[in-house]
């Protein structure tokens, strides 16, 4: 009897302690315990004490500047980083991946174009490789399948047209002239993006921000002057690519703010645009190059071999799809003009890489131009902060 009474007393005391620790809000969720009648006054006294003495709750920190991201945790502790640091590291990783994949695409694309001089077919094939890839991701559930209604397709159609024109113009420009010349002309893309940002998004920056664009464009131009190989075809196609890609960037940013369908994140948006651009490019590719496709393929295969052509066309298409998908994810994290600035600096990396791969040594003026462009990027960042 003594042992049973003692156990009941301990249980009642535990219930009271639980209530005191949790405060008034915990009374409704207090564990239901057997309370003998002789201990009811004791429990009521404990509950009254809890109501009379509220426990101060821990403050909820809502300041975004001090939010933390848990990288790893274990029983003895955890590793955390401030969220702003994590976000900057993520953005840096995306930009680095975008640059690397884009450089690899340009090298691969130029190699295949040198062996198989059909830019429209190359444009079609690089788009086509991405179609089964993204459909496989949807079919396996790795990525959620987008759901788009008629209104959504109407919204996405002009972006698909811009994507098709921009890609075709870029590939034709690379095939018609030197990589450095095409990249020099395409370095003016931020100017077109500024215009499109104003016309479509209504974005207006201070004149100091716009002025910071010129050192970047000038630097890239100077960096490639030594190898400049002018052709009107390359010039006009690169300019067409600038207008199209600037339109694609601004319209895509608008679509990311107001998705055109369900599950339409940045990656799925690019997947849909790839499919649209592929379909839109088919008639143009066969109109311009369909008649000579078989003969050109046979001549190229006789020199480099059919396996080499097929393998490198597929690799080129994968580089193209992956670099653009990473670029779209990056676009979702930054403003369109910032995206174009990064795109311009990326061209420095492309020029340097193609010089190394194709054994074209970089001149002193090229180094100076690269330095000016990189300095211009820091100048732009400073201008955006000082004159928002």
Foldseek 3Di string as FASTA:
>chain_A
DVVVVVVLVVVLVVQLVVDLVVAPVCPVVGDDDDHPPVCVVVSVVSNVVRPVDGDDDDDDDDPLQADWDWPAADPVGTDIDRPVVVVVVVLVVLLVLLLVLVLVLLVLLLVLCVLQVQLLVLLLLLLVLLQVVVVVCCVVVVAPDWDFDPQLCVLLLLLLVLVLLLSSLLSQLVNVWPLLQLLLLLLCLLVLLQVLCCVPVVDDFDVLLVVLSVLQSQLSNLLSVVVDDDDPSSNVSSVSSSNSVSNSLNSLLVCCVPPRTPSDHLLVSLNVSSVSSSVVSVVVSCVVCVVCNVVSLVSSCVPVNPVVSVVSSSVSSVSVSVSVSSLSNSSNVDPSSLSSLSVSLSSLVSVVSCCVVVVNDGDPSSVVSNVSNVVSNVSSVVSVVVTD
